[in-house]
Amino acid sequence: MNATTIQLEKSVVNALKESKDYSRQTYNELIVKLLESYKNSKNKNQYDEFLHKIQQKKMAELWDNKEDEAWENV
């Protein structure tokens, strides 16, 4: 294994300890899992933004129309 040493604040180390799935989980395993989770959430956000942009035009058609405006003045 090719390893390196990094410096972390004690609060970060404590947060990592609290985040372990099981007591013998290594920090390396935990950080890899956190990185995978971050990448997945980032991809999901990009997908959600893509869908939102596509839907904007249709939503404007449905909501910005004279029939709805007529009901507002009743």
PDB file of N, CA and C in Angstrom:
ATOM      1  N   MET A   1       0.844  -1.176   0.000  1.00  0.00           N
ATOM      2  CA  MET A   1       0.000   0.000   0.000  1.00  0.00           C
ATOM      3  C   MET A   1       0.893   1.245   0.000  1.00  0.00           C
ATOM      4  N   ASN A   2       0.560   2.177  -0.845  1.00  0.00           N
ATOM      5  CA  ASN A   2       1.275   3.443  -0.923  1.00  0.00           C
ATOM      6  C   ASN A   2       0.520   4.452  -0.056  1.00  0.00           C
ATOM      7  N   ALA A   3       1.082   4.810   1.084  1.00  0.00           N
ATOM      8  CA  ALA A   3       0.374   5.666   2.048  1.00  0.00           C
ATOM      9  C   ALA A   3       1.094   6.997   2.213  1.00  0.00           C
ATOM     10  N   THR A   4       0.345   7.964   2.710  1.00  0.00           N
ATOM     11  CA  THR A   4       0.886   9.284   3.004  1.00  0.00           C
ATOM     12  C   THR A   4       0.329   9.751   4.341  1.00  0.00           C
ATOM     13  N   THR A   5       0.892  10.807   4.862  1.00  0.00           N
ATOM     14  CA  THR A   5       0.427  11.386   6.116  1.00  0.00           C
ATOM     15  C   THR A   5      -0.175  12.746   5.818  1.00  0.00           C
ATOM     16  N   ILE A   6      -1.344  13.000   6.391  1.00  0.00           N
ATOM     17  CA  ILE A   6      -1.972  14.312   6.241  1.00  0.00           C
ATOM     18  C   ILE A   6      -2.269  14.867   7.628  1.00  0.00           C
ATOM     19  N   GLN A   7      -2.298  16.172   7.725  1.00  0.00           N
ATOM     20  CA  GLN A   7      -2.620  16.808   8.998  1.00  0.00           C
ATOM     21  C   GLN A   7      -4.080  17.234   8.991  1.00  0.00           C
ATOM     22  N   LEU A   8      -4.773  16.869  10.049  1.00  0.00           N
ATOM     23  CA  LEU A   8      -6.183  17.230  10.206  1.00  0.00           C
ATOM     24  C   LEU A   8      -6.377  17.889  11.562  1.00  0.00           C
ATOM     25  N   GLU A   9      -7.315  18.800  11.624  1.00  0.00           N
ATOM     26  CA  GLU A   9      -7.672  19.382  12.916  1.00  0.00           C
ATOM     27  C   GLU A   9      -8.308  18.302  13.781  1.00  0.00           C
ATOM     28  N   LYS A  10      -8.146  18.425  15.072  1.00  0.00           N
ATOM     29  CA  LYS A  10      -8.699  17.424  15.982  1.00  0.00           C
ATOM     30  C   LYS A  10     -10.212  17.313  15.849  1.00  0.00           C
ATOM     31  N   SER A  11     -10.863  18.433  15.560  1.00  0.00           N
ATOM     32  CA  SER A  11     -12.322  18.394  15.396  1.00  0.00           C
ATOM     33  C   SER A  11     -12.708  17.542  14.183  1.00  0.00           C
ATOM     34  N   VAL A  12     -11.877  17.577  13.144  1.00  0.00           N
ATOM     35  CA  VAL A  12     -12.149  16.754  11.960  1.00  0.00           C
ATOM     36  C   VAL A  12     -11.949  15.275  12.285  1.00  0.00           C
ATOM     37  N   VAL A  13     -10.885  14.973  13.019  1.00  0.00           N
ATOM     38  CA  VAL A  13     -10.632  13.592  13.419  1.00  0.00           C
ATOM     39  C   VAL A  13     -11.783  13.081  14.290  1.00  0.00           C
ATOM     40  N   ASN A  14     -12.259  13.918  15.211  1.00  0.00           N
ATOM     41  CA  ASN A  14     -13.391  13.514  16.054  1.00  0.00           C
ATOM     42  C   ASN A  14     -14.651  13.284  15.224  1.00  0.00           C
ATOM     43  N   ALA A  15     -14.885  14.139  14.232  1.00  0.00           N
ATOM     44  CA  ALA A  15     -16.047  13.959  13.365  1.00  0.00           C
ATOM     45  C   ALA A  15     -15.921  12.664  12.564  1.00  0.00           C
ATOM     46  N   LEU A  16     -14.724  12.363  12.103  1.00  0.00           N
ATOM     47  CA  LEU A  16     -14.509  11.099  11.387  1.00  0.00           C
ATOM     48  C   LEU A  16     -14.778   9.905  12.298  1.00  0.00           C
ATOM     49  N   LYS A  17     -14.284   9.978  13.543  1.00  0.00           N
ATOM     50  CA  LYS A  17     -14.525   8.889  14.498  1.00  0.00           C
ATOM     51  C   LYS A  17     -16.015   8.658  14.696  1.00  0.00           C
ATOM     52  N   GLU A  18     -16.777   9.741  14.821  1.00  0.00           N
ATOM     53  CA  GLU A  18     -18.222   9.633  15.032  1.00  0.00           C
ATOM     54  C   GLU A  18     -18.960   9.134  13.801  1.00  0.00           C
ATOM     55  N   SER A  19     -18.344   9.267  12.637  1.00  0.00           N
ATOM     56  CA  SER A  19     -18.994   8.897  11.380  1.00  0.00           C
ATOM     57  C   SER A  19     -18.742   7.450  10.970  1.00  0.00           C
ATOM     58  N   LYS A  20     -17.899   6.752  11.708  1.00  0.00           N
ATOM     59  CA  LYS A  20     -17.569   5.371  11.341  1.00  0.00           C
ATOM     60  C   LYS A  20     -18.811   4.490  11.397  1.00  0.00           C
ATOM     61  N   ASP A  21     -18.891   3.554  10.430  1.00  0.00           N
ATOM     62  CA  ASP A  21     -19.995   2.590  10.417  1.00  0.00           C
ATOM     63  C   ASP A  21     -19.774   1.491  11.452  1.00  0.00           C
ATOM     64  N   TYR A  22     -18.531   1.167  11.701  1.00  0.00           N
ATOM     65  CA  TYR A  22     -18.183   0.166  12.700  1.00  0.00           C
ATOM     66  C   TYR A  22     -16.828   0.550  13.297  1.00  0.00           C
ATOM     67  N   SER A  23     -16.540   0.080  14.482  1.00  0.00           N
ATOM     68  CA  SER A  23     -15.377   0.553  15.243  1.00  0.00           C
ATOM     69  C   SER A  23     -14.036   0.299  14.554  1.00  0.00           C
ATOM     70  N   ARG A  24     -13.912  -0.757  13.791  1.00  0.00           N
ATOM     71  CA  ARG A  24     -12.629  -1.078  13.165  1.00  0.00           C
ATOM     72  C   ARG A  24     -12.503  -0.516  11.751  1.00  0.00           C
ATOM     73  N   GLN A  25     -13.468   0.272  11.342  1.00  0.00           N
ATOM     74  CA  GLN A  25     -13.389   0.882  10.012  1.00  0.00           C
ATOM     75  C   GLN A  25     -12.218   1.857   9.992  1.00  0.00           C
ATOM     76  N   THR A  26     -11.398   1.759   8.948  1.00  0.00           N
ATOM     77  CA  THR A  26     -10.241   2.646   8.866  1.00  0.00           C
ATOM     78  C   THR A  26     -10.683   4.012   8.350  1.00  0.00           C
ATOM     79  N   TYR A  27      -9.863   5.016   8.644  1.00  0.00           N
ATOM     80  CA  TYR A  27     -10.153   6.353   8.117  1.00  0.00           C
ATOM     81  C   TYR A  27     -10.114   6.334   6.594  1.00  0.00           C
ATOM     82  N   ASN A  28      -9.215   5.539   6.036  1.00  0.00           N
ATOM     83  CA  ASN A  28      -9.129   5.436   4.577  1.00  0.00           C
ATOM     84  C   ASN A  28     -10.450   4.922   4.005  1.00  0.00           C
ATOM     85  N   GLU A  29     -10.992   3.855   4.587  1.00  0.00           N
ATOM     86  CA  GLU A  29     -12.278   3.312   4.127  1.00  0.00           C
ATOM     87  C   GLU A  29     -13.388   4.350   4.262  1.00  0.00           C
ATOM     88  N   LEU A  30     -13.390   5.038   5.383  1.00  0.00           N
ATOM     89  CA  LEU A  30     -14.423   6.036   5.643  1.00  0.00           C
ATOM     90  C   LEU A  30     -14.326   7.198   4.657  1.00  0.00           C
ATOM     91  N   ILE A  31     -13.117   7.686   4.402  1.00  0.00           N
ATOM     92  CA  ILE A  31     -12.945   8.806   3.478  1.00  0.00           C
ATOM     93  C   ILE A  31     -13.325   8.397   2.061  1.00  0.00           C
ATOM     94  N   VAL A  32     -12.968   7.178   1.652  1.00  0.00           N
ATOM     95  CA  VAL A  32     -13.365   6.690   0.323  1.00  0.00           C
ATOM     96  C   VAL A  32     -14.891   6.663   0.219  1.00  0.00           C
ATOM     97  N   LYS A  33     -15.554   6.172   1.270  1.00  0.00           N
ATOM     98  CA  LYS A  33     -17.013   6.120   1.270  1.00  0.00           C
ATOM     99  C   LYS A  33     -17.620   7.531   1.210  1.00  0.00           C
ATOM    100  N   LEU A  34     -17.056   8.468   1.963  1.00  0.00           N
ATOM    101  CA  LEU A  34     -17.544   9.845   1.944  1.00  0.00           C
ATOM    102  C   LEU A  34     -17.360  10.479   0.561  1.00  0.00           C
ATOM    103  N   LEU A  35     -16.226  10.202  -0.076  1.00  0.00           N
ATOM    104  CA  LEU A  35     -15.980  10.739  -1.415  1.00  0.00           C
ATOM    105  C   LEU A  35     -16.968  10.182  -2.433  1.00  0.00           C
ATOM    106  N   GLU A  36     -17.264   8.888  -2.345  1.00  0.00           N
ATOM    107  CA  GLU A  36     -18.245   8.279  -3.243  1.00  0.00           C
ATOM    108  C   GLU A  36     -19.622   8.909  -3.042  1.00  0.00           C
ATOM    109  N   SER A  37     -19.982   9.114  -1.797  1.00  0.00           N
ATOM    110  CA  SER A  37     -21.258   9.731  -1.484  1.00  0.00           C
ATOM    111  C   SER A  37     -21.321  11.157  -2.027  1.00  0.00           C
ATOM    112  N   TYR A  38     -20.247  11.896  -1.874  1.00  0.00           N
ATOM    113  CA  TYR A  38     -20.184  13.264  -2.387  1.00  0.00           C
ATOM    114  C   TYR A  38     -20.329  13.287  -3.903  1.00  0.00           C
ATOM    115  N   LYS A  39     -19.621  12.401  -4.593  1.00  0.00           N
ATOM    116  CA  LYS A  39     -19.707  12.341  -6.057  1.00  0.00           C
ATOM    117  C   LYS A  39     -21.126  12.005  -6.509  1.00  0.00           C
ATOM    118  N   ASN A  40     -21.761  11.061  -5.825  1.00  0.00           N
ATOM    119  CA  ASN A  40     -23.135  10.681  -6.175  1.00  0.00           C
ATOM    120  C   ASN A  40     -24.104  11.835  -5.970  1.00  0.00           C
ATOM    121  N   SER A  41     -23.956  12.558  -4.867  1.00  0.00           N
ATOM    122  CA  SER A  41     -24.866  13.683  -4.610  1.00  0.00           C
ATOM    123  C   SER A  41     -24.621  14.804  -5.610  1.00  0.00           C
ATOM    124  N   LYS A  42     -23.388  15.000  -6.001  1.00  0.00           N
ATOM    125  CA  LYS A  42     -23.058  16.032  -6.983  1.00  0.00           C
ATOM    126  C   LYS A  42     -23.690  15.686  -8.337  1.00  0.00           C
ATOM    127  N   ASN A  43     -23.607  14.417  -8.732  1.00  0.00           N
ATOM    128  CA  ASN A  43     -24.222  13.986  -9.986  1.00  0.00           C
ATOM    129  C   ASN A  43     -25.733  14.119  -9.924  1.00  0.00           C
ATOM    130  N   LYS A  44     -26.331  13.806  -8.779  1.00  0.00           N
ATOM    131  CA  LYS A  44     -27.779  13.921  -8.620  1.00  0.00           C
ATOM    132  C   LYS A  44     -28.212  15.374  -8.750  1.00  0.00           C
ATOM    133  N   ASN A  45     -27.446  16.291  -8.147  1.00  0.00           N
ATOM    134  CA  ASN A  45     -27.777  17.709  -8.237  1.00  0.00           C
ATOM    135  C   ASN A  45     -27.711  18.205  -9.670  1.00  0.00           C
ATOM    136  N   GLN A  46     -26.729  17.732 -10.433  1.00  0.00           N
ATOM    137  CA  GLN A  46     -26.620  18.121 -11.834  1.00  0.00           C
ATOM    138  C   GLN A  46     -27.833  17.622 -12.607  1.00  0.00           C
ATOM    139  N   TYR A  47     -28.281  16.408 -12.319  1.00  0.00           N
ATOM    140  CA  TYR A  47     -29.457  15.837 -12.982  1.00  0.00           C
ATOM    141  C   TYR A  47     -30.707  16.632 -12.620  1.00  0.00           C
ATOM    142  N   ASP A  48     -30.852  16.978 -11.347  1.00  0.00           N
ATOM    143  CA  ASP A  48     -32.005  17.761 -10.912  1.00  0.00           C
ATOM    144  C   ASP A  48     -32.026  19.136 -11.578  1.00  0.00           C
ATOM    145  N   GLU A  49     -30.868  19.771 -11.689  1.00  0.00           N
ATOM    146  CA  GLU A  49     -30.789  21.077 -12.356  1.00  0.00           C
ATOM    147  C   GLU A  49     -31.158  20.951 -13.827  1.00  0.00           C
ATOM    148  N   PHE A  50     -30.711  19.872 -14.472  1.00  0.00           N
ATOM    149  CA  PHE A  50     -31.034  19.622 -15.869  1.00  0.00           C
ATOM    150  C   PHE A  50     -32.552  19.490 -16.043  1.00  0.00           C
ATOM    151  N   LEU A  51     -33.195  18.696 -15.193  1.00  0.00           N
ATOM    152  CA  LEU A  51     -34.646  18.524 -15.275  1.00  0.00           C
ATOM    153  C   LEU A  51     -35.367  19.843 -15.023  1.00  0.00           C
ATOM    154  N   HIS A  52     -34.889  20.600 -14.080  1.00  0.00           N
ATOM    155  CA  HIS A  52     -35.521  21.878 -13.763  1.00  0.00           C
ATOM    156  C   HIS A  52     -35.491  22.814 -14.975  1.00  0.00           C
ATOM    157  N   LYS A  53     -34.365  22.878 -15.660  1.00  0.00           N
ATOM    158  CA  LYS A  53     -34.255  23.745 -16.834  1.00  0.00           C
ATOM    159  C   LYS A  53     -35.209  23.308 -17.931  1.00  0.00           C
ATOM    160  N   ILE A  54     -35.336  22.002 -18.126  1.00  0.00           N
ATOM    161  CA  ILE A  54     -36.246  21.481 -19.146  1.00  0.00           C
ATOM    162  C   ILE A  54     -37.694  21.831 -18.802  1.00  0.00           C
ATOM    163  N   GLN A  55     -38.038  21.729 -17.536  1.00  0.00           N
ATOM    164  CA  GLN A  55     -39.415  21.935 -17.104  1.00  0.00           C
ATOM    165  C   GLN A  55     -39.810  23.407 -17.050  1.00  0.00           C
ATOM    166  N   GLN A  56     -38.855  24.306 -16.972  1.00  0.00           N
ATOM    167  CA  GLN A  56     -39.170  25.725 -16.832  1.00  0.00           C
ATOM    168  C   GLN A  56     -40.076  26.230 -17.949  1.00  0.00           C
ATOM    169  N   LYS A  57     -39.789  25.874 -19.193  1.00  0.00           N
ATOM    170  CA  LYS A  57     -40.582  26.361 -20.319  1.00  0.00           C
ATOM    171  C   LYS A  57     -42.029  25.871 -20.223  1.00  0.00           C
ATOM    172  N   LYS A  58     -42.205  24.578 -19.930  1.00  0.00           N
ATOM    173  CA  LYS A  58     -43.552  24.016 -19.838  1.00  0.00           C
ATOM    174  C   LYS A  58     -44.312  24.618 -18.657  1.00  0.00           C
ATOM    175  N   MET A  59     -43.645  24.814 -17.553  1.00  0.00           N
ATOM    176  CA  MET A  59     -44.309  25.394 -16.386  1.00  0.00           C
ATOM    177  C   MET A  59     -44.755  26.829 -16.680  1.00  0.00           C
ATOM    178  N   ALA A  60     -43.944  27.564 -17.421  1.00  0.00           N
ATOM    179  CA  ALA A  60     -44.324  28.928 -17.796  1.00  0.00           C
ATOM    180  C   ALA A  60     -45.575  28.895 -18.667  1.00  0.00           C
ATOM    181  N   GLU A  61     -45.648  27.921 -19.569  1.00  0.00           N
ATOM    182  CA  GLU A  61     -46.846  27.787 -20.421  1.00  0.00           C
ATOM    183  C   GLU A  61     -48.080  27.497 -19.574  1.00  0.00           C
ATOM    184  N   LEU A  62     -47.923  26.623 -18.593  1.00  0.00           N
ATOM    185  CA  LEU A  62     -49.068  26.221 -17.778  1.00  0.00           C
ATOM    186  C   LEU A  62     -49.492  27.308 -16.801  1.00  0.00           C
ATOM    187  N   TRP A  63     -48.574  28.027 -16.240  1.00  0.00           N
ATOM    188  CA  TRP A  63     -48.889  28.984 -15.186  1.00  0.00           C
ATOM    189  C   TRP A  63     -49.088  30.403 -15.688  1.00  0.00           C
ATOM    190  N   ASP A  64     -48.410  30.774 -16.738  1.00  0.00           N
ATOM    191  CA  ASP A  64     -48.518  32.139 -17.247  1.00  0.00           C
ATOM    192  C   ASP A  64     -49.494  32.177 -18.423  1.00  0.00           C
ATOM    193  N   ASN A  65     -50.774  32.147 -18.086  1.00  0.00           N
ATOM    194  CA  ASN A  65     -51.773  32.188 -19.152  1.00  0.00           C
ATOM    195  C   ASN A  65     -52.945  33.072 -18.725  1.00  0.00           C
ATOM    196  N   LYS A  66     -53.726  33.503 -19.687  1.00  0.00           N
ATOM    197  CA  LYS A  66     -54.818  34.444 -19.424  1.00  0.00           C
ATOM    198  C   LYS A  66     -55.929  33.837 -18.583  1.00  0.00           C
ATOM    199  N   GLU A  67     -56.142  32.519 -18.722  1.00  0.00           N
ATOM    200  CA  GLU A  67     -57.207  31.885 -17.935  1.00  0.00           C
ATOM    201  C   GLU A  67     -56.917  32.000 -16.439  1.00  0.00           C
ATOM    202  N   ASP A  68     -55.672  31.754 -16.061  1.00  0.00           N
ATOM    203  CA  ASP A  68     -55.306  31.871 -14.650  1.00  0.00           C
ATOM    204  C   ASP A  68     -55.394  33.315 -14.169  1.00  0.00           C
ATOM    205  N   GLU A  69     -54.993  34.243 -15.008  1.00  0.00           N
ATOM    206  CA  GLU A  69     -55.049  35.653 -14.642  1.00  0.00           C
ATOM    207  C   GLU A  69     -56.496  36.104 -14.429  1.00  0.00           C
ATOM    208  N   ALA A  70     -57.424  35.567 -15.212  1.00  0.00           N
ATOM    209  CA  ALA A  70     -58.832  35.923 -15.062  1.00  0.00           C
ATOM    210  C   ALA A  70     -59.338  35.483 -13.687  1.00  0.00           C
ATOM    211  N   TRP A  71     -58.911  34.346 -13.199  1.00  0.00           N
ATOM    212  CA  TRP A  71     -59.347  33.868 -11.881  1.00  0.00           C
ATOM    213  C   TRP A  71     -58.805  34.736 -10.758  1.00  0.00           C
ATOM    214  N   GLU A  72     -57.650  35.332 -10.962  1.00  0.00           N
ATOM    215  CA  GLU A  72     -57.062  36.174  -9.923  1.00  0.00           C
ATOM    216  C   GLU A  72     -57.908  37.420  -9.675  1.00  0.00           C
ATOM    217  N   ASN A  73     -58.663  37.857 -10.682  1.00  0.00           N
ATOM    218  CA  ASN A  73     -59.445  39.089 -10.569  1.00  0.00           C
ATOM    219  C   ASN A  73     -60.907  38.822 -10.195  1.00  0.00           C
ATOM    220  N   VAL A  74     -61.257  37.610  -9.864  1.00  0.00           N
ATOM    221  CA  VAL A  74     -62.653  37.272  -9.535  1.00  0.00           C
ATOM    222  C   VAL A  74     -62.960  37.650  -8.125  1.00  0.00           C
TER     223      VAL A  74
END
